[in-house]
Every structure is written in structure tokens, then in C-alpha cells.
Protein backbone atom coordinates (compact mmCIF):
# COMPACT_ATOMS: atom_id res chain seq x y z
CA LEU A 1 2.78 -3.50 -8.50
CA ASP A 2 0.05 -5.39 -6.66
CA VAL A 3 0.19 -3.09 -3.64
CA LEU A 4 0.48 -0.03 -5.87
CA SER A 5 -2.69 -1.02 -7.73
CA VAL A 6 -4.58 -1.26 -4.42
CA VAL A 7 -3.13 2.06 -3.23
CA ASP A 8 -4.20 3.68 -6.50
CA LYS A 9 -7.83 2.76 -5.74
CA GLN A 10 -7.73 4.34 -2.27
CA PRO A 11 -8.82 7.90 -1.48
CA ASP A 12 -6.08 10.53 -1.15
CA ASN A 13 -5.76 9.75 2.56
CA PHE A 14 -5.74 6.11 3.57
CA SER A 15 -4.46 3.88 6.33
CA LEU A 16 -2.41 0.74 6.60
CA ASN A 17 -5.58 -1.03 7.73
CA ASP A 18 -7.27 0.01 4.47
CA ILE A 19 -4.56 -1.87 2.59
CA TYR A 20 -4.66 -4.82 5.01
CA LYS A 21 -8.34 -5.25 4.07
CA HIS A 22 -7.05 -6.57 0.73
CA GLU A 23 -4.86 -9.21 2.36
CA HIS A 24 -6.91 -12.08 0.89
CA TYR A 25 -6.37 -10.61 -2.60
CA PHE A 26 -2.60 -10.60 -2.04
CA GLU A 27 -2.70 -14.11 -0.58
CA ALA A 28 -4.47 -15.36 -3.70
CA LEU A 29 -1.83 -13.74 -5.92
CA HIS A 30 1.08 -14.98 -3.81
CA PRO A 31 0.04 -18.22 -2.09
CA ASN A 32 3.60 -19.10 -1.02
CA ASN A 33 4.13 -15.83 0.85
CA ASN A 34 3.47 -16.39 4.55
CA ASN A 35 4.31 -12.78 5.47
CA ILE A 36 1.76 -10.78 3.53
CA GLN A 37 1.45 -7.92 6.03
CA ALA A 38 5.23 -7.47 6.22
CA LYS A 39 5.41 -7.44 2.43
CA ILE A 40 2.64 -4.83 2.27
CA ARG A 41 4.58 -2.58 4.65
CA GLN A 42 7.77 -3.11 2.64
CA GLN A 43 6.03 -2.21 -0.60
CA LEU A 44 4.49 0.90 0.96
CA GLN A 45 8.00 2.01 1.94
CA ILE A 46 9.15 1.51 -1.65
CA ILE A 47 6.15 3.48 -2.96
CA ARG A 48 7.00 6.20 -0.41
CA ASP A 49 10.63 6.23 -1.59
CA MET A 50 9.30 6.74 -5.12
CA ARG A 51 7.46 9.78 -3.70
CA MET A 52 4.07 8.48 -4.78
CA ILE A 53 2.78 8.48 -1.19
CA GLU A 54 3.82 10.22 2.01
CA PHE A 55 3.75 8.86 5.54
CA VAL A 56 1.52 11.26 7.47
CA ASN A 57 1.48 9.52 10.81
CA ARG A 58 1.88 5.99 12.10
CA GLY A 59 -0.19 3.83 9.73
CA GLU A 60 -1.54 6.84 7.83
CA TYR A 61 -0.64 7.83 4.30
CA HIS A 62 -1.37 10.51 1.74
CA LYS A 63 -1.10 10.15 -2.03
CA THR A 64 1.12 12.74 -3.67
CA GLY A 65 0.47 14.40 -6.99
CA LEU A 66 2.62 11.75 -8.67
CA LEU A 67 -0.05 9.12 -7.99
CA ASN A 68 -3.07 11.43 -8.23
CA GLY A 69 -2.04 13.16 -11.42
């Protein structure tokens, strides 16, 4: 849910780097996780599988109506 909350605050089109900018936020929430960027990518895949975002191109995403609505 942490990644989803950051995605929700992004514009309709956003990049992986836009989410990485919040890495310190995730580190503060999960201080024992030493693989924050890998976890972000994993969570984006899960959000994609839920059809809330689409992969547009490498490192580029688009929110679907499920997240915008």
C-alpha cells in the first residue's frame, strides 16, 4: 500500500524515477529493507497486475481508470 499511495499522488503518466524519488520515505517506513528499489519494482508489477497502472514503455507507466476514477 505504501507504493500505491505514492503512485496515487503521481500524474496520469509517471516514471519509475518519479517513484524512486520517494525512496527515503520508503526507507523510513521499512528500515530493515535493504532492497527498496527492487521492492518498488515488485510492487509496481503487482499494481499493474491489478490493472491499476499500465506499463507504457521501459520505466514509464500510465494510471488506468481504476486508479483515476
